[in-house]
């Protein structure tokens, strides 16, 4: 009888917050096919669970993720495929997840690991964390992760860091838009918890809708013409009206007037 594969992604849920922990510290949480497959399954389960309100991406060991599993990649050349092919599915699952996704980065992230960080809606890193797009130094390019990274980064910073492969720290990561905020290692968990506490107070349907707005803005450049602006404004006006008339909208307005928490807020939040 075949034994089940070792868990490389640990899942825990508390008060509506599901934490997916990369747990392959022996190879610095490299993005192997096994790890990516387990992460994809866990993301799908969290997205489908109505009791899950927020998803946190975390890690064991000192490294968030070293990027692609290069040992597995070298072995896979003989089969004509490489593990990075699955990374696109994982990035899409994070980017399109209807629940807010928070990345907790307590240590270095490299190459594909930066794609995970950028895909999250909110990313919090410790001051000790370092980052690098090391692909060009291996003779490859940061192609698939560009789908999530480039909408976050300032263009000049992206050019510098993609082309040099240089390492940069958490403070620089925050300045260029890769992470939301940087904090001390001692305050990292407290900061993540604070964001999660704020996120669970949002209505599930409204949070999903707000994420759609953000994805749409990241995927296009606005036409500056007056006609285009008015067309877009009319669409957004209708969308606002629809949400105010929704069940969540009516409940939120009523709860505000009655000075109580809305029904979707978990007890104690």
C-alpha atoms as a PDB file:
ATOM      1  CA  UNK A   1       0.000   0.000   0.000  1.00  0.00           C
ATOM      2  CA  UNK A   2       1.409   3.364  -1.055  1.00  0.00           C
ATOM      3  CA  UNK A   3       1.813   5.878   1.759  1.00  0.00           C
ATOM      4  CA  UNK A   4       0.416   9.386   1.225  1.00  0.00           C
ATOM      5  CA  UNK A   5       2.905  12.089   0.196  1.00  0.00           C
ATOM      6  CA  UNK A   6       4.500  14.150   2.916  1.00  0.00           C
ATOM      7  CA  UNK A   7       2.533  17.328   3.607  1.00  0.00           C
ATOM      8  CA  UNK A   8       4.482  20.247   2.151  1.00  0.00           C
ATOM      9  CA  UNK A   9       1.685  22.747   2.809  1.00  0.00           C
ATOM     10  CA  UNK A  10       0.175  22.835   6.285  1.00  0.00           C
ATOM     11  CA  UNK A  11      -3.387  24.130   6.668  1.00  0.00           C
ATOM     12  CA  UNK A  12      -4.919  25.613   9.809  1.00  0.00           C
ATOM     13  CA  UNK A  13      -8.027  27.736  10.347  1.00  0.00           C
ATOM     14  CA  UNK A  14      -8.850  30.011  13.290  1.00  0.00           C
ATOM     15  CA  UNK A  15     -11.659  32.582  13.495  1.00  0.00           C
ATOM     16  CA  UNK A  16     -12.236  32.577   9.753  1.00  0.00           C
ATOM     17  CA  UNK A  17      -8.538  32.936   8.851  1.00  0.00           C
ATOM     18  CA  UNK A  18      -6.970  29.996   7.021  1.00  0.00           C
ATOM     19  CA  UNK A  19      -3.178  29.869   7.070  1.00  0.00           C
ATOM     20  CA  UNK A  20      -1.398  27.920   4.338  1.00  0.00           C
ATOM     21  CA  UNK A  21       2.160  27.298   5.510  1.00  0.00           C
ATOM     22  CA  UNK A  22       4.876  26.258   3.072  1.00  0.00           C
ATOM     23  CA  UNK A  23       6.570  23.468   5.014  1.00  0.00           C
ATOM     24  CA  UNK A  24       9.564  22.253   3.045  1.00  0.00           C
ATOM     25  CA  UNK A  25      12.408  23.951   4.932  1.00  0.00           C
ATOM     26  CA  UNK A  26      15.035  21.363   3.918  1.00  0.00           C
ATOM     27  CA  UNK A  27      15.066  22.804   0.386  1.00  0.00           C
ATOM     28  CA  UNK A  28      14.158  26.352   1.453  1.00  0.00           C
ATOM     29  CA  UNK A  29      10.509  25.923   0.450  1.00  0.00           C
ATOM     30  CA  UNK A  30      11.461  25.485  -3.195  1.00  0.00           C
ATOM     31  CA  UNK A  31       8.490  25.400  -5.546  1.00  0.00           C
ATOM     32  CA  UNK A  32       8.490  21.722  -6.428  1.00  0.00           C
ATOM     33  CA  UNK A  33       5.651  20.055  -8.321  1.00  0.00           C
ATOM     34  CA  UNK A  34       4.507  18.391  -5.097  1.00  0.00           C
ATOM     35  CA  UNK A  35       4.461  21.641  -3.128  1.00  0.00           C
ATOM     36  CA  UNK A  36       2.719  23.561  -5.933  1.00  0.00           C
ATOM     37  CA  UNK A  37       0.113  20.830  -6.288  1.00  0.00           C
ATOM     38  CA  UNK A  38      -0.644  20.819  -2.568  1.00  0.00           C
ATOM     39  CA  UNK A  39      -0.773  24.612  -2.478  1.00  0.00           C
ATOM     40  CA  UNK A  40      -3.164  24.682  -5.430  1.00  0.00           C
ATOM     41  CA  UNK A  41      -5.464  22.162  -3.717  1.00  0.00           C
ATOM     42  CA  UNK A  42      -5.381  24.101  -0.437  1.00  0.00           C
ATOM     43  CA  UNK A  43      -6.166  27.385  -2.191  1.00  0.00           C
ATOM     44  CA  UNK A  44      -9.105  25.786  -3.979  1.00  0.00           C
ATOM     45  CA  UNK A  45     -10.492  24.377  -0.736  1.00  0.00           C
ATOM     46  CA  UNK A  46     -10.140  27.732   1.052  1.00  0.00           C
ATOM     47  CA  UNK A  47     -11.841  29.595  -1.794  1.00  0.00           C
ATOM     48  CA  UNK A  48     -14.795  27.173  -1.738  1.00  0.00           C
ATOM     49  CA  UNK A  49     -15.274  27.230   2.060  1.00  0.00           C
ATOM     50  CA  UNK A  50     -17.781  29.880   3.145  1.00  0.00           C
ATOM     51  CA  UNK A  51     -16.346  29.812   6.668  1.00  0.00           C
ATOM     52  CA  UNK A  52     -12.955  30.989   5.379  1.00  0.00           C
ATOM     53  CA  UNK A  53     -12.803  34.766   5.225  1.00  0.00           C
ATOM     54  CA  UNK A  54      -9.082  35.429   4.790  1.00  0.00           C
ATOM     55  CA  UNK A  55      -6.164  33.328   3.505  1.00  0.00           C
ATOM     56  CA  UNK A  56      -2.626  33.806   4.845  1.00  0.00           C
ATOM     57  CA  UNK A  57       0.429  32.461   2.998  1.00  0.00           C
ATOM     58  CA  UNK A  58       3.204  31.706   5.484  1.00  0.00           C
ATOM     59  CA  UNK A  59       6.270  29.479   5.790  1.00  0.00           C
ATOM     60  CA  UNK A  60       8.365  27.392   8.137  1.00  0.00           C
ATOM     61  CA  UNK A  61      12.122  27.815   8.354  1.00  0.00           C
ATOM     62  CA  UNK A  62      14.103  30.975   7.711  1.00  0.00           C
ATOM     63  CA  UNK A  63      13.280  31.225   3.970  1.00  0.00           C
ATOM     64  CA  UNK A  64       9.879  32.146   2.522  1.00  0.00           C
ATOM     65  CA  UNK A  65      10.667  30.482  -0.808  1.00  0.00           C
ATOM     66  CA  UNK A  66      13.833  30.013  -2.858  1.00  0.00           C
ATOM     67  CA  UNK A  67      11.849  29.845  -6.104  1.00  0.00           C
ATOM     68  CA  UNK A  68      11.767  26.960  -8.556  1.00  0.00           C
ATOM     69  CA  UNK A  69      13.061  23.585  -7.375  1.00  0.00           C
ATOM     70  CA  UNK A  70      16.214  23.477  -9.521  1.00  0.00           C
ATOM     71  CA  UNK A  71      17.108  19.881  -8.596  1.00  0.00           C
ATOM     72  CA  UNK A  72      13.707  18.705  -9.744  1.00  0.00           C
ATOM     73  CA  UNK A  73      14.001  20.908 -12.827  1.00  0.00           C
ATOM     74  CA  UNK A  74      17.339  19.367 -13.804  1.00  0.00           C
ATOM     75  CA  UNK A  75      15.903  15.869 -13.473  1.00  0.00           C
ATOM     76  CA  UNK A  76      12.758  16.848 -15.381  1.00  0.00           C
ATOM     77  CA  UNK A  77      14.666  17.935 -18.499  1.00  0.00           C
ATOM     78  CA  UNK A  78      14.777  14.309 -19.535  1.00  0.00           C
ATOM     79  CA  UNK A  79      10.980  14.211 -19.578  1.00  0.00           C
ATOM     80  CA  UNK A  80      10.635  17.419 -21.573  1.00  0.00           C
ATOM     81  CA  UNK A  81       8.798  19.403 -18.901  1.00  0.00           C
ATOM     82  CA  UNK A  82       9.690  21.576 -15.915  1.00  0.00           C
ATOM     83  CA  UNK A  83       7.856  22.169 -12.598  1.00  0.00           C
ATOM     84  CA  UNK A  84       7.520  25.924 -13.194  1.00  0.00           C
ATOM     85  CA  UNK A  85       4.701  25.155 -15.645  1.00  0.00           C
ATOM     86  CA  UNK A  86       2.363  24.640 -12.657  1.00  0.00           C
ATOM     87  CA  UNK A  87       3.327  27.945 -11.039  1.00  0.00           C
ATOM     88  CA  UNK A  88       0.998  29.864 -13.347  1.00  0.00           C
ATOM     89  CA  UNK A  89      -2.007  27.931 -12.003  1.00  0.00           C
ATOM     90  CA  UNK A  90      -1.005  28.740  -8.427  1.00  0.00           C
ATOM     91  CA  UNK A  91      -0.515  32.442  -9.190  1.00  0.00           C
ATOM     92  CA  UNK A  92      -3.937  32.564 -10.850  1.00  0.00           C
ATOM     93  CA  UNK A  93      -5.539  30.839  -7.852  1.00  0.00           C
ATOM     94  CA  UNK A  94      -4.093  33.464  -5.491  1.00  0.00           C
ATOM     95  CA  UNK A  95      -4.786  36.450  -7.773  1.00  0.00           C
ATOM     96  CA  UNK A  96      -8.371  35.359  -8.510  1.00  0.00           C
ATOM     97  CA  UNK A  97      -9.225  34.077  -5.030  1.00  0.00           C
ATOM     98  CA  UNK A  98     -12.477  35.731  -3.879  1.00  0.00           C
ATOM     99  CA  UNK A  99     -11.063  35.953  -0.348  1.00  0.00           C
ATOM    100  CA  UNK A 100      -8.338  38.450   0.605  1.00  0.00           C
ATOM    101  CA  UNK A 101      -4.912  36.805   0.554  1.00  0.00           C
ATOM    102  CA  UNK A 102      -2.155  38.019   2.898  1.00  0.00           C
ATOM    103  CA  UNK A 103       1.488  37.016   2.417  1.00  0.00           C
ATOM    104  CA  UNK A 104       3.539  36.701   5.609  1.00  0.00           C
ATOM    105  CA  UNK A 105       7.192  36.923   4.592  1.00  0.00           C
ATOM    106  CA  UNK A 106       9.609  36.332   7.430  1.00  0.00           C
ATOM    107  CA  UNK A 107      12.697  35.599   5.344  1.00  0.00           C
ATOM    108  CA  UNK A 108      14.256  35.618   1.879  1.00  0.00           C
ATOM    109  CA  UNK A 109      12.151  35.187  -1.268  1.00  0.00           C
ATOM    110  CA  UNK A 110      13.683  34.534  -4.646  1.00  0.00           C
ATOM    111  CA  UNK A 111      12.464  34.317  -8.242  1.00  0.00           C
ATOM    112  CA  UNK A 112       9.169  32.364  -8.295  1.00  0.00           C
ATOM    113  CA  UNK A 113       8.678  33.054  -4.594  1.00  0.00           C
ATOM    114  CA  UNK A 114       8.304  36.739  -5.473  1.00  0.00           C
ATOM    115  CA  UNK A 115       5.430  35.782  -7.752  1.00  0.00           C
ATOM    116  CA  UNK A 116       3.563  34.407  -4.729  1.00  0.00           C
ATOM    117  CA  UNK A 117       4.260  37.565  -2.731  1.00  0.00           C
ATOM    118  CA  UNK A 118       3.067  39.819  -5.556  1.00  0.00           C
ATOM    119  CA  UNK A 119      -0.062  37.734  -6.183  1.00  0.00           C
ATOM    120  CA  UNK A 120      -1.263  38.297  -2.611  1.00  0.00           C
ATOM    121  CA  UNK A 121      -3.510  41.294  -1.979  1.00  0.00           C
ATOM    122  CA  UNK A 122      -1.491  42.360   1.054  1.00  0.00           C
ATOM    123  CA  UNK A 123       2.128  41.400   1.719  1.00  0.00           C
ATOM    124  CA  UNK A 124       3.903  41.991   5.021  1.00  0.00           C
ATOM    125  CA  UNK A 125       7.605  41.290   5.380  1.00  0.00           C
ATOM    126  CA  UNK A 126      10.142  41.374   8.182  1.00  0.00           C
ATOM    127  CA  UNK A 127      13.048  43.783   7.936  1.00  0.00           C
ATOM    128  CA  UNK A 128      15.352  40.775   7.657  1.00  0.00           C
ATOM    129  CA  UNK A 129      13.637  39.520   4.490  1.00  0.00           C
ATOM    130  CA  UNK A 130      15.528  39.925   1.239  1.00  0.00           C
ATOM    131  CA  UNK A 131      14.360  39.599  -2.349  1.00  0.00           C
ATOM    132  CA  UNK A 132      15.895  39.007  -5.778  1.00  0.00           C
ATOM    133  CA  UNK A 133      14.780  38.232  -9.314  1.00  0.00           C
ATOM    134  CA  UNK A 134      17.634  35.804  -9.943  1.00  0.00           C
ATOM    135  CA  UNK A 135      16.320  34.344 -13.202  1.00  0.00           C
ATOM    136  CA  UNK A 136      18.697  36.065 -15.649  1.00  0.00           C
ATOM    137  CA  UNK A 137      21.685  34.764 -13.694  1.00  0.00           C
ATOM    138  CA  UNK A 138      20.409  31.246 -14.417  1.00  0.00           C
ATOM    139  CA  UNK A 139      19.868  31.926 -18.104  1.00  0.00           C
ATOM    140  CA  UNK A 140      16.066  32.196 -17.837  1.00  0.00           C
ATOM    141  CA  UNK A 141      13.593  35.065 -17.432  1.00  0.00           C
ATOM    142  CA  UNK A 142      10.905  35.944 -14.842  1.00  0.00           C
ATOM    143  CA  UNK A 143       8.137  35.354 -17.362  1.00  0.00           C
ATOM    144  CA  UNK A 144       5.211  33.687 -15.585  1.00  0.00           C
ATOM    145  CA  UNK A 145       5.612  35.717 -12.392  1.00  0.00           C
ATOM    146  CA  UNK A 146       5.442  38.946 -14.419  1.00  0.00           C
ATOM    147  CA  UNK A 147       1.661  38.506 -14.509  1.00  0.00           C
ATOM    148  CA  UNK A 148       1.517  39.349 -10.804  1.00  0.00           C
ATOM    149  CA  UNK A 149       4.797  41.221 -10.263  1.00  0.00           C
ATOM    150  CA  UNK A 150       4.696  43.902 -12.976  1.00  0.00           C
ATOM    151  CA  UNK A 151       1.290  45.337 -11.945  1.00  0.00           C
ATOM    152  CA  UNK A 152       2.828  45.945  -8.488  1.00  0.00           C
ATOM    153  CA  UNK A 153       6.285  47.309  -9.313  1.00  0.00           C
ATOM    154  CA  UNK A 154       7.358  50.752 -10.428  1.00  0.00           C
ATOM    155  CA  UNK A 155       8.575  50.376 -14.052  1.00  0.00           C
ATOM    156  CA  UNK A 156      12.091  51.721 -13.431  1.00  0.00           C
ATOM    157  CA  UNK A 157      12.536  49.473 -10.410  1.00  0.00           C
ATOM    158  CA  UNK A 158      11.270  46.467 -12.371  1.00  0.00           C
ATOM    159  CA  UNK A 159      13.811  47.105 -15.143  1.00  0.00           C
ATOM    160  CA  UNK A 160      16.682  47.479 -12.687  1.00  0.00           C
ATOM    161  CA  UNK A 161      15.863  44.414 -10.620  1.00  0.00           C
ATOM    162  CA  UNK A 162      14.841  42.108 -13.490  1.00  0.00           C
ATOM    163  CA  UNK A 163      18.027  42.889 -15.439  1.00  0.00           C
ATOM    164  CA  UNK A 164      20.598  42.936 -12.635  1.00  0.00           C
ATOM    165  CA  UNK A 165      19.272  40.133 -10.458  1.00  0.00           C
ATOM    166  CA  UNK A 166      20.532  42.116  -7.474  1.00  0.00           C
ATOM    167  CA  UNK A 167      19.311  41.468  -3.939  1.00  0.00           C
ATOM    168  CA  UNK A 168      17.194  44.122  -2.227  1.00  0.00           C
ATOM    169  CA  UNK A 169      15.790  44.445   1.271  1.00  0.00           C
ATOM    170  CA  UNK A 170      12.318  44.728   2.739  1.00  0.00           C
ATOM    171  CA  UNK A 171      12.390  48.497   2.908  1.00  0.00           C
ATOM    172  CA  UNK A 172      13.128  48.729  -0.826  1.00  0.00           C
ATOM    173  CA  UNK A 173      10.437  46.122  -1.498  1.00  0.00           C
ATOM    174  CA  UNK A 174       7.893  48.376   0.212  1.00  0.00           C
ATOM    175  CA  UNK A 175       9.108  51.495  -1.614  1.00  0.00           C
ATOM    176  CA  UNK A 176       8.640  49.924  -5.063  1.00  0.00           C
ATOM    177  CA  UNK A 177       5.298  48.267  -4.308  1.00  0.00           C
ATOM    178  CA  UNK A 178       6.265  44.603  -3.991  1.00  0.00           C
ATOM    179  CA  UNK A 179       5.119  44.468  -0.363  1.00  0.00           C
ATOM    180  CA  UNK A 180       2.541  46.468   1.548  1.00  0.00           C
ATOM    181  CA  UNK A 181       4.570  47.132   4.659  1.00  0.00           C
ATOM    182  CA  UNK A 182       7.768  46.117   6.430  1.00  0.00           C
ATOM    183  CA  UNK A 183       8.047  45.467  10.146  1.00  0.00           C
ATOM    184  CA  UNK A 184      10.367  43.886  12.680  1.00  0.00           C
ATOM    185  CA  UNK A 185      10.577  40.109  12.967  1.00  0.00           C
ATOM    186  CA  UNK A 186       9.163  40.370  16.481  1.00  0.00           C
ATOM    187  CA  UNK A 187       6.110  42.316  15.271  1.00  0.00           C
ATOM    188  CA  UNK A 188       5.483  40.306  12.079  1.00  0.00           C
ATOM    189  CA  UNK A 189       2.784  37.998  13.425  1.00  0.00           C
ATOM    190  CA  UNK A 190       1.069  40.824  15.286  1.00  0.00           C
ATOM    191  CA  UNK A 191       1.005  42.931  12.116  1.00  0.00           C
ATOM    192  CA  UNK A 192      -0.425  40.060  10.055  1.00  0.00           C
ATOM    193  CA  UNK A 193      -3.089  39.452  12.714  1.00  0.00           C
ATOM    194  CA  UNK A 194      -4.007  43.152  12.696  1.00  0.00           C
ATOM    195  CA  UNK A 195      -4.596  43.108   8.936  1.00  0.00           C
ATOM    196  CA  UNK A 196      -6.636  39.901   9.199  1.00  0.00           C
ATOM    197  CA  UNK A 197      -8.792  41.427  11.946  1.00  0.00           C
ATOM    198  CA  UNK A 198      -9.563  44.359   9.655  1.00  0.00           C
ATOM    199  CA  UNK A 199     -10.256  42.128   6.651  1.00  0.00           C
ATOM    200  CA  UNK A 200     -12.793  39.853   8.355  1.00  0.00           C
ATOM    201  CA  UNK A 201     -14.935  42.918   9.080  1.00  0.00           C
ATOM    202  CA  UNK A 202     -15.578  43.316   5.358  1.00  0.00           C
ATOM    203  CA  UNK A 203     -18.586  41.624   3.760  1.00  0.00           C
ATOM    204  CA  UNK A 204     -17.563  38.500   1.794  1.00  0.00           C
ATOM    205  CA  UNK A 205     -19.393  39.515  -1.385  1.00  0.00           C
ATOM    206  CA  UNK A 206     -18.119  43.088  -1.179  1.00  0.00           C
ATOM    207  CA  UNK A 207     -14.538  41.938  -0.667  1.00  0.00           C
ATOM    208  CA  UNK A 208     -14.787  39.695  -3.734  1.00  0.00           C
ATOM    209  CA  UNK A 209     -16.235  42.594  -5.719  1.00  0.00           C
ATOM    210  CA  UNK A 210     -13.521  44.972  -4.555  1.00  0.00           C
ATOM    211  CA  UNK A 211     -10.891  42.449  -5.655  1.00  0.00           C
ATOM    212  CA  UNK A 212     -12.500  42.359  -9.111  1.00  0.00           C
ATOM    213  CA  UNK A 213     -12.145  46.146  -9.330  1.00  0.00           C
ATOM    214  CA  UNK A 214      -8.496  45.928  -8.361  1.00  0.00           C
ATOM    215  CA  UNK A 215      -7.771  43.168 -10.877  1.00  0.00           C
ATOM    216  CA  UNK A 216      -9.453  45.124 -13.659  1.00  0.00           C
ATOM    217  CA  UNK A 217      -7.431  48.244 -12.851  1.00  0.00           C
ATOM    218  CA  UNK A 218      -4.192  46.231 -12.775  1.00  0.00           C
ATOM    219  CA  UNK A 219      -4.932  44.695 -16.152  1.00  0.00           C
ATOM    220  CA  UNK A 220      -5.513  47.806 -18.222  1.00  0.00           C
ATOM    221  CA  UNK A 221      -4.483  51.402 -18.719  1.00  0.00           C
ATOM    222  CA  UNK A 222      -7.274  53.936 -18.556  1.00  0.00           C
ATOM    223  CA  UNK A 223      -8.087  55.846 -21.741  1.00  0.00           C
ATOM    224  CA  UNK A 224      -7.786  59.548 -20.934  1.00  0.00           C
ATOM    225  CA  UNK A 225     -10.530  60.605 -23.365  1.00  0.00           C
ATOM    226  CA  UNK A 226     -13.647  62.215 -21.897  1.00  0.00           C
ATOM    227  CA  UNK A 227     -15.899  59.699 -23.655  1.00  0.00           C
ATOM    228  CA  UNK A 228     -14.033  56.731 -22.222  1.00  0.00           C
ATOM    229  CA  UNK A 229     -14.004  58.269 -18.748  1.00  0.00           C
ATOM    230  CA  UNK A 230     -17.762  58.831 -18.792  1.00  0.00           C
ATOM    231  CA  UNK A 231     -18.444  55.302 -20.061  1.00  0.00           C
ATOM    232  CA  UNK A 232     -16.318  53.818 -17.320  1.00  0.00           C
ATOM    233  CA  UNK A 233     -17.841  56.110 -14.717  1.00  0.00           C
ATOM    234  CA  UNK A 234     -21.362  55.031 -15.725  1.00  0.00           C
ATOM    235  CA  UNK A 235     -20.402  51.361 -15.404  1.00  0.00           C
ATOM    236  CA  UNK A 236     -18.887  51.924 -11.975  1.00  0.00           C
ATOM    237  CA  UNK A 237     -21.917  53.991 -10.863  1.00  0.00           C
ATOM    238  CA  UNK A 238     -24.239  51.113 -11.792  1.00  0.00           C
ATOM    239  CA  UNK A 239     -21.972  48.698  -9.952  1.00  0.00           C
ATOM    240  CA  UNK A 240     -22.105  50.836  -6.801  1.00  0.00           C
ATOM    241  CA  UNK A 241     -25.901  51.012  -6.977  1.00  0.00           C
ATOM    242  CA  UNK A 242     -26.101  47.217  -7.351  1.00  0.00           C
ATOM    243  CA  UNK A 243     -23.996  46.653  -4.259  1.00  0.00           C
ATOM    244  CA  UNK A 244     -26.005  49.150  -2.188  1.00  0.00           C
ATOM    245  CA  UNK A 245     -29.166  47.234  -3.152  1.00  0.00           C
ATOM    246  CA  UNK A 246     -27.609  43.864  -2.364  1.00  0.00           C
ATOM    247  CA  UNK A 247     -28.446  41.886   0.767  1.00  0.00           C
ATOM    248  CA  UNK A 248     -25.008  42.652   2.195  1.00  0.00           C
ATOM    249  CA  UNK A 249     -25.346  46.343   1.391  1.00  0.00           C
ATOM    250  CA  UNK A 250     -28.710  46.623   3.112  1.00  0.00           C
ATOM    251  CA  UNK A 251     -27.419  44.713   6.144  1.00  0.00           C
ATOM    252  CA  UNK A 252     -24.292  46.882   6.374  1.00  0.00           C
ATOM    253  CA  UNK A 253     -26.240  50.148   6.245  1.00  0.00           C
ATOM    254  CA  UNK A 254     -28.753  48.842   8.792  1.00  0.00           C
ATOM    255  CA  UNK A 255     -26.009  47.636  11.152  1.00  0.00           C
ATOM    256  CA  UNK A 256     -24.291  51.035  10.935  1.00  0.00           C
ATOM    257  CA  UNK A 257     -27.527  52.795  11.893  1.00  0.00           C
ATOM    258  CA  UNK A 258     -28.132  50.385  14.755  1.00  0.00           C
ATOM    259  CA  UNK A 259     -24.513  50.739  15.990  1.00  0.00           C
ATOM    260  CA  UNK A 260     -23.844  47.003  15.863  1.00  0.00           C
ATOM    261  CA  UNK A 261     -21.535  44.656  13.978  1.00  0.00           C
ATOM    262  CA  UNK A 262     -22.850  43.369  10.678  1.00  0.00           C
ATOM    263  CA  UNK A 263     -23.922  39.722  10.548  1.00  0.00           C
ATOM    264  CA  UNK A 264     -20.826  38.632   8.612  1.00  0.00           C
ATOM    265  CA  UNK A 265     -18.350  39.857  11.268  1.00  0.00           C
ATOM    266  CA  UNK A 266     -17.029  36.865  13.245  1.00  0.00           C
ATOM    267  CA  UNK A 267     -17.721  37.009  16.997  1.00  0.00           C
ATOM    268  CA  UNK A 268     -14.988  38.812  18.877  1.00  0.00           C
ATOM    269  CA  UNK A 269     -13.606  40.600  15.821  1.00  0.00           C
END
